[in-house]
Amino acid sequence: MEPSEIILYAGLLPGAIVGVGLLCAWLTWRAIEKRRTAGPRPHALGPIWVLPILLGLALIPIDLARDPRVQVWPKETTERFPHIIVAACLFALIDTAVRAPLWLSAILRIPLFGAVSWAILEPLPRTGDASPGGFWLLIAGLGAALAAVSIAIDASARRVPTWITALILLVAIAPIAPVVLSDFPPDAPRPAFSLSPAHFAQGAFQAGALIAALGAVALAHPLCRALRVDRALAVPTIALAAAILCAARWFGGSWAGAGWTPGLPIPALALFLLAPAAAAVPALPGIRRRGPMIRLGLGALFAAICAGLGTWLAHESIPARPPPGDDPYADFYDDP
């Protein structure tokens, strides 16, 4: 893709769709509420159901711009991002409309996130990267862990201003783009400028669109003060971030040292998946009564620590190139 296309589809367009769409939906809702009553109801959540729709419209174009083919079910798992986005946004739309008890939503999210993980990692048993038993244990573990993270965000989102939730998620998600995009020359001894061996540009573009959408939610909130994003934002955000990170871990990677290095080490993957849970920090006892900037700062600090440690571990996973006599690829590197 050309740089101008990346800027458009992974930045400007997602931000405009979410920001303008939220503002239009909010103004329309307020006008309808004023006609029905003396004004907006004090405890009304606003048109939160529109956010999953806007996220779907914002996150899919970058994938279609990269590959305009519309496939019912692609054989290549890294081409299933649109399907994952649609499934996650549809779940969030139903969840915001039905508003089932949070415990029931938590149970239903386990198979959803398990399906998201399976959609990306399906080839692992065939390629020998996981045994059948280990594969299904991994899928179940990811489903439960991602459901727990998303529920933690939603349990606090109703009591936390939307701009705080969105900005903390932004801090947690933002490092994913440069980390999964990073690569390094095969003859370089662990360069300082390289964050990881992931080399998964497609995931970086998807992360960029998600970052732009989260930024638009945060910027739109001052004009939509009563709007809360519980049940609407967490599931699509976590589903797409997890799909990017899992694909970068198992299908990204680079040649380094004497062989192939996976895209992300497992501890770094776990830390990146944990980082969005920082959006629940502002609602914790002892913090929820603090000022908004303190709540934002503490949540962003937790997110930055998790993402920072994950980035450091990803960088440390790049092996230094061994001496020429020990490297079976030395002749290949030195061949002009």
Protein backbone atom coordinates (compact mmCIF):
# COMPACT_ATOMS: atom_id res chain seq x y z
CA MET A 1 0.00 0.00 0.00
CA GLU A 2 1.11 3.56 -0.69
CA PRO A 3 1.86 5.79 2.33
CA SER A 4 -1.04 8.06 1.42
CA GLU A 5 -3.41 5.07 1.45
CA ILE A 6 -2.13 3.95 4.85
CA ILE A 7 -2.66 7.43 6.29
CA LEU A 8 -6.17 7.54 4.86
CA TYR A 9 -7.42 4.06 5.70
CA ALA A 10 -5.48 3.48 8.94
CA GLY A 11 -5.88 6.98 10.35
CA LEU A 12 -8.04 9.69 8.85
CA LEU A 13 -10.99 7.59 7.68
CA PRO A 14 -11.48 5.50 10.86
CA GLY A 15 -11.19 8.60 13.03
CA ALA A 16 -13.66 10.55 10.90
CA ILE A 17 -16.19 7.72 10.77
CA VAL A 18 -16.22 7.22 14.53
CA GLY A 19 -15.93 10.88 15.56
CA VAL A 20 -18.44 12.36 13.12
CA GLY A 21 -20.77 9.36 13.47
CA LEU A 22 -20.85 9.62 17.28
CA LEU A 23 -21.46 13.35 17.17
CA CYS A 24 -24.31 13.03 14.65
CA ALA A 25 -25.92 10.17 16.60
CA TRP A 26 -25.62 12.15 19.85
CA LEU A 27 -27.18 15.31 18.41
CA THR A 28 -30.01 13.31 16.85
CA TRP A 29 -30.67 11.49 20.12
CA ARG A 30 -30.73 14.75 22.09
CA ALA A 31 -33.20 16.29 19.66
CA ILE A 32 -35.51 13.27 19.96
CA GLU A 33 -35.21 13.26 23.76
CA LYS A 34 -36.09 16.95 23.98
CA ARG A 35 -39.25 16.36 21.99
CA ARG A 36 -40.30 13.44 24.16
CA THR A 37 -39.49 15.04 27.53
CA ALA A 38 -38.30 18.32 28.96
CA GLY A 39 -34.74 17.24 28.10
CA PRO A 40 -32.41 14.25 28.10
CA ARG A 41 -33.08 11.86 30.97
CA PRO A 42 -30.47 12.23 33.73
CA HIS A 43 -29.45 8.57 33.71
CA ALA A 44 -29.81 7.92 29.98
CA LEU A 45 -26.75 6.35 28.37
CA GLY A 46 -27.21 7.97 24.99
CA PRO A 47 -27.08 6.14 21.64
CA ILE A 48 -24.30 3.75 22.68
CA TRP A 49 -25.66 1.10 20.32
CA VAL A 50 -24.33 3.12 17.38
CA LEU A 51 -20.68 2.76 18.47
CA PRO A 52 -20.27 -0.93 17.49
CA ILE A 53 -21.70 -0.11 14.05
CA LEU A 54 -19.28 2.80 13.63
CA LEU A 55 -16.34 0.67 14.76
CA GLY A 56 -17.19 -1.95 12.16
CA LEU A 57 -17.42 0.68 9.43
CA ALA A 58 -14.13 2.23 10.61
CA LEU A 59 -11.99 -0.88 11.02
CA ILE A 60 -12.87 -2.89 7.91
CA PRO A 61 -11.81 -0.45 5.12
CA ILE A 62 -8.06 -0.80 5.83
CA ASP A 63 -8.29 -4.54 5.19
CA LEU A 64 -10.37 -4.09 2.04
CA ALA A 65 -7.95 -1.45 0.77
CA ARG A 66 -5.11 -3.93 1.17
CA ASP A 67 -7.06 -6.80 -0.44
CA PRO A 68 -10.38 -5.83 -2.08
CA ARG A 69 -11.50 -9.45 -2.51
CA VAL A 70 -14.59 -10.34 -0.47
CA GLN A 71 -14.23 -13.95 0.67
CA VAL A 72 -16.85 -15.94 2.55
CA TRP A 73 -14.18 -17.72 4.61
CA PRO A 74 -10.55 -17.19 3.56
CA LYS A 75 -8.15 -20.11 3.79
CA GLU A 76 -5.41 -17.73 4.89
CA THR A 77 -6.16 -16.99 8.53
CA THR A 78 -4.58 -13.53 8.44
CA GLU A 79 -7.24 -12.56 5.89
CA ARG A 80 -10.02 -13.17 8.41
CA PHE A 81 -9.75 -9.82 10.19
CA PRO A 82 -12.97 -8.46 8.59
CA HIS A 83 -14.87 -11.54 9.78
CA ILE A 84 -13.50 -11.07 13.31
CA ILE A 85 -14.44 -7.39 13.31
CA VAL A 86 -17.99 -8.11 12.12
CA ALA A 87 -18.49 -10.85 14.73
CA ALA A 88 -17.15 -8.71 17.59
CA CYS A 89 -19.13 -5.62 16.58
CA LEU A 90 -22.32 -7.65 16.13
CA PHE A 91 -21.87 -9.14 19.61
CA ALA A 92 -21.32 -5.67 21.08
CA LEU A 93 -24.37 -4.30 19.26
CA ILE A 94 -26.61 -7.05 20.66
CA ASP A 95 -25.06 -6.66 24.11
CA THR A 96 -25.75 -2.91 24.20
CA ALA A 97 -29.33 -3.46 23.03
CA VAL A 98 -30.25 -6.40 25.28
CA ARG A 99 -28.08 -5.43 28.28
CA ALA A 100 -28.15 -8.89 29.81
CA PRO A 101 -26.66 -9.30 33.30
CA LEU A 102 -22.90 -8.82 33.23
CA TRP A 103 -22.26 -12.37 34.44
CA LEU A 104 -24.25 -13.77 31.51
CA SER A 105 -22.41 -11.51 29.07
CA ALA A 106 -19.13 -12.76 30.55
CA ILE A 107 -20.11 -16.39 29.93
CA LEU A 108 -21.13 -15.65 26.35
CA ARG A 109 -17.88 -13.83 25.65
CA ILE A 110 -15.77 -16.92 26.34
CA PRO A 111 -16.92 -18.78 23.18
CA LEU A 112 -16.80 -15.50 21.21
CA PHE A 113 -13.15 -14.84 22.05
CA GLY A 114 -12.39 -18.54 21.69
CA ALA A 115 -13.80 -18.38 18.15
CA VAL A 116 -11.72 -15.26 17.43
CA SER A 117 -8.58 -17.08 18.60
CA TRP A 118 -9.46 -20.19 16.60
CA ALA A 119 -10.06 -18.14 13.44
CA ILE A 120 -6.48 -16.85 13.59
CA LEU A 121 -4.66 -19.86 15.01
CA GLU A 122 -6.49 -22.67 13.19
CA PRO A 123 -3.39 -23.95 11.27
CA LEU A 124 -1.24 -24.55 14.37
CA PRO A 125 -2.01 -28.29 14.75
CA ARG A 126 -1.41 -28.86 11.02
CA THR A 127 1.91 -27.02 11.01
CA GLY A 128 3.14 -28.86 14.10
CA ASP A 129 3.31 -25.71 16.23
CA ALA A 130 0.84 -27.20 18.71
CA SER A 131 -0.57 -30.62 19.51
CA PRO A 132 -4.35 -31.00 19.13
CA GLY A 133 -4.82 -31.08 22.90
CA GLY A 134 -2.50 -28.17 23.49
CA PHE A 135 -4.20 -26.19 20.72
CA TRP A 136 -7.67 -26.48 22.24
CA LEU A 137 -6.27 -25.71 25.68
CA LEU A 138 -4.73 -22.55 24.20
CA ILE A 139 -8.04 -21.57 22.56
CA ALA A 140 -9.97 -22.10 25.81
CA GLY A 141 -7.40 -20.18 27.82
CA LEU A 142 -7.40 -17.24 25.42
CA GLY A 143 -11.21 -17.20 25.36
CA ALA A 144 -11.47 -17.07 29.15
CA ALA A 145 -8.64 -14.55 29.59
CA LEU A 146 -9.92 -12.15 26.92
CA ALA A 147 -13.47 -12.40 28.28
CA ALA A 148 -12.16 -11.50 31.75
CA VAL A 149 -10.27 -8.46 30.41
CA SER A 150 -13.27 -7.19 28.46
CA ILE A 151 -15.65 -7.68 31.39
CA ALA A 152 -13.27 -5.80 33.69
CA ILE A 153 -13.37 -2.86 31.25
CA ASP A 154 -17.16 -2.93 30.90
CA ALA A 155 -17.77 -3.30 34.64
CA SER A 156 -16.01 0.01 35.21
CA ALA A 157 -16.92 1.90 32.01
CA ARG A 158 -20.33 3.00 33.26
CA ARG A 159 -18.76 4.67 36.31
CA VAL A 160 -15.84 6.20 34.43
CA PRO A 161 -16.04 9.10 31.94
CA THR A 162 -15.80 7.83 28.39
CA TRP A 163 -12.77 9.94 27.52
CA ILE A 164 -10.80 8.34 30.38
CA THR A 165 -11.68 4.81 29.26
CA ALA A 166 -10.84 5.58 25.63
CA LEU A 167 -7.51 7.26 26.43
CA ILE A 168 -6.36 4.41 28.68
CA LEU A 169 -7.23 1.90 25.97
CA LEU A 170 -5.34 4.12 23.54
CA VAL A 171 -2.21 3.96 25.73
CA ALA A 172 -2.56 0.18 25.95
CA ILE A 173 -3.11 -0.39 22.22
CA ALA A 174 -0.80 2.25 20.69
CA PRO A 175 2.50 0.31 21.17
CA ILE A 176 1.12 -2.68 19.26
CA ALA A 177 1.44 -0.94 15.88
CA PRO A 178 5.20 -0.21 15.97
CA VAL A 179 5.99 -3.51 17.72
CA VAL A 180 4.27 -5.75 15.15
CA LEU A 181 5.55 -3.61 12.25
CA SER A 182 9.16 -3.79 13.39
CA ASP A 183 11.80 -5.81 11.55
CA PHE A 184 15.60 -5.82 11.21
CA PRO A 185 18.24 -6.83 8.66
CA PRO A 186 19.39 -10.46 8.98
CA ASP A 187 23.03 -9.39 9.29
CA ALA A 188 22.46 -6.86 12.10
CA PRO A 189 23.41 -7.66 15.73
CA ARG A 190 20.13 -6.90 17.60
CA PRO A 191 19.71 -3.28 16.46
CA ALA A 192 18.47 -0.82 19.07
CA PHE A 193 15.93 0.69 16.68
CA SER A 194 14.10 -2.61 16.18
CA LEU A 195 11.33 -3.27 18.72
CA SER A 196 10.66 -6.91 17.79
CA PRO A 197 11.15 -9.53 15.09
CA ALA A 198 7.39 -9.56 14.30
CA HIS A 199 7.48 -8.01 10.80
CA PHE A 200 3.66 -8.14 10.49
CA ALA A 201 2.74 -4.99 8.58
CA GLN A 202 -0.90 -5.98 8.06
CA GLY A 203 -1.42 -6.11 11.81
CA ALA A 204 0.22 -2.71 12.24
CA PHE A 205 -2.24 -1.17 9.76
CA GLN A 206 -5.18 -2.74 11.60
CA ALA A 207 -3.81 -1.45 14.91
CA GLY A 208 -3.47 2.03 13.41
CA ALA A 209 -7.15 2.06 12.46
CA LEU A 210 -8.09 0.95 15.98
CA ILE A 211 -5.90 3.66 17.52
CA ALA A 212 -7.56 6.30 15.34
CA ALA A 213 -11.02 5.06 16.34
CA LEU A 214 -10.17 5.15 20.07
CA GLY A 215 -8.77 8.65 19.69
CA ALA A 216 -11.99 9.77 17.99
CA VAL A 217 -14.08 8.36 20.85
CA ALA A 218 -12.00 10.31 23.36
CA LEU A 219 -12.21 13.54 21.33
CA ALA A 220 -15.96 13.24 20.76
CA HIS A 221 -16.81 12.77 24.44
CA PRO A 222 -16.61 16.46 25.51
CA LEU A 223 -19.51 17.10 23.14
CA CYS A 224 -21.35 13.92 24.24
CA ARG A 225 -20.77 14.08 27.99
CA ALA A 226 -23.47 11.64 29.08
CA LEU A 227 -22.38 8.99 26.60
CA ARG A 228 -21.01 5.82 28.19
CA VAL A 229 -19.34 3.07 26.20
CA ASP A 230 -19.89 0.05 28.46
CA ARG A 231 -20.80 -3.03 26.39
CA ALA A 232 -19.97 -1.11 23.17
CA LEU A 233 -16.20 -0.58 23.05
CA ALA A 234 -14.39 -3.33 24.94
CA VAL A 235 -15.34 -6.40 22.89
CA PRO A 236 -14.37 -5.04 19.43
CA THR A 237 -11.18 -3.49 20.84
CA ILE A 238 -10.01 -6.64 22.63
CA ALA A 239 -11.01 -8.96 19.78
CA LEU A 240 -9.06 -7.05 17.14
CA ALA A 241 -6.03 -6.45 19.39
CA ALA A 242 -5.90 -10.15 20.32
CA ALA A 243 -6.19 -11.23 16.66
CA ILE A 244 -3.32 -8.90 15.69
CA LEU A 245 -1.08 -10.06 18.52
CA CYS A 246 -1.77 -13.78 18.02
CA ALA A 247 -1.12 -13.50 14.28
CA ALA A 248 2.11 -11.57 14.95
CA ARG A 249 3.24 -14.20 17.48
CA TRP A 250 2.63 -17.30 15.37
CA PHE A 251 2.70 -16.03 11.78
CA GLY A 252 5.04 -13.07 12.05
CA GLY A 253 8.77 -13.36 12.63
CA SER A 254 12.16 -12.71 11.08
CA TRP A 255 15.36 -14.47 10.21
CA ALA A 256 17.85 -13.69 12.95
CA GLY A 257 21.07 -15.21 14.10
CA ALA A 258 21.12 -18.86 13.09
CA GLY A 259 17.46 -19.30 12.26
CA TRP A 260 13.87 -18.18 12.44
CA THR A 261 12.66 -16.09 15.41
CA PRO A 262 8.90 -16.01 16.23
CA GLY A 263 7.20 -12.64 16.08
CA LEU A 264 6.53 -12.20 19.80
CA PRO A 265 7.56 -14.19 22.87
CA ILE A 266 4.68 -15.57 24.93
CA PRO A 267 5.34 -13.31 27.98
CA ALA A 268 5.23 -10.22 25.74
CA LEU A 269 1.98 -11.45 24.18
CA ALA A 270 0.46 -11.92 27.65
CA LEU A 271 1.48 -8.44 28.78
CA PHE A 272 0.04 -6.79 25.67
CA LEU A 273 -3.24 -8.68 26.18
CA LEU A 274 -3.33 -7.62 29.85
CA ALA A 275 -2.64 -3.93 29.18
CA PRO A 276 -6.24 -2.97 28.19
CA ALA A 277 -7.44 -4.13 31.62
CA ALA A 278 -5.91 -0.87 32.87
CA ALA A 279 -9.18 0.79 31.80
CA ALA A 280 -10.70 -0.78 34.94
CA VAL A 281 -8.21 0.92 37.28
CA PRO A 282 -10.12 4.27 37.58
CA ALA A 283 -13.12 2.42 39.06
CA LEU A 284 -11.16 0.58 41.77
CA PRO A 285 -11.96 1.37 45.43
CA GLY A 286 -9.78 4.18 46.69
CA ILE A 287 -9.30 5.53 43.14
CA ARG A 288 -12.85 6.08 41.92
CA ARG A 289 -13.33 9.15 44.15
CA ARG A 290 -10.16 10.83 42.95
CA GLY A 291 -10.09 13.59 40.37
CA PRO A 292 -10.37 12.67 36.70
CA MET A 293 -6.73 13.42 35.89
CA ILE A 294 -5.50 11.22 38.76
CA ARG A 295 -7.76 8.39 37.63
CA LEU A 296 -6.55 8.79 34.08
CA GLY A 297 -2.92 8.94 35.17
CA LEU A 298 -3.09 5.79 37.29
CA GLY A 299 -4.88 3.81 34.58
CA ALA A 300 -2.52 5.03 31.88
CA LEU A 301 0.46 4.20 34.10
CA PHE A 302 -0.67 0.59 34.50
CA ALA A 303 -1.27 0.31 30.75
CA ALA A 304 2.12 1.86 29.97
CA ILE A 305 3.92 -0.50 32.36
CA CYS A 306 2.32 -3.59 30.79
CA ALA A 307 2.86 -2.41 27.22
CA GLY A 308 6.36 -1.15 27.99
CA LEU A 309 7.43 -4.46 29.54
CA GLY A 310 5.88 -6.30 26.59
CA THR A 311 7.83 -4.11 24.17
CA TRP A 312 11.06 -4.68 26.09
CA LEU A 313 10.55 -8.46 26.10
CA ALA A 314 9.79 -8.39 22.38
CA HIS A 315 12.99 -6.46 21.73
CA GLU A 316 15.02 -8.82 23.92
CA SER A 317 13.71 -11.80 21.95
CA ILE A 318 15.79 -10.68 18.96
CA PRO A 319 18.89 -12.90 19.15
CA ALA A 320 22.29 -11.39 18.53
CA ARG A 321 23.92 -12.70 15.38
CA PRO A 322 26.44 -15.40 16.31
CA PRO A 323 30.07 -15.21 15.17
CA PRO A 324 30.50 -16.04 11.45
CA GLY A 325 32.07 -19.41 12.15
CA ASP A 326 29.00 -20.50 14.18
CA ASP A 327 26.36 -19.18 11.79
CA PRO A 328 25.23 -21.63 9.07
CA TYR A 329 23.80 -18.70 7.09
CA ALA A 330 27.02 -16.64 7.18
CA ASP A 331 27.91 -17.44 3.55
CA PHE A 332 24.43 -16.42 2.46
CA TYR A 333 24.67 -13.10 4.34
CA ASP A 334 28.09 -12.30 2.91
CA ASP A 335 27.32 -13.31 -0.66
CA PRO A 336 27.10 -10.13 -2.78
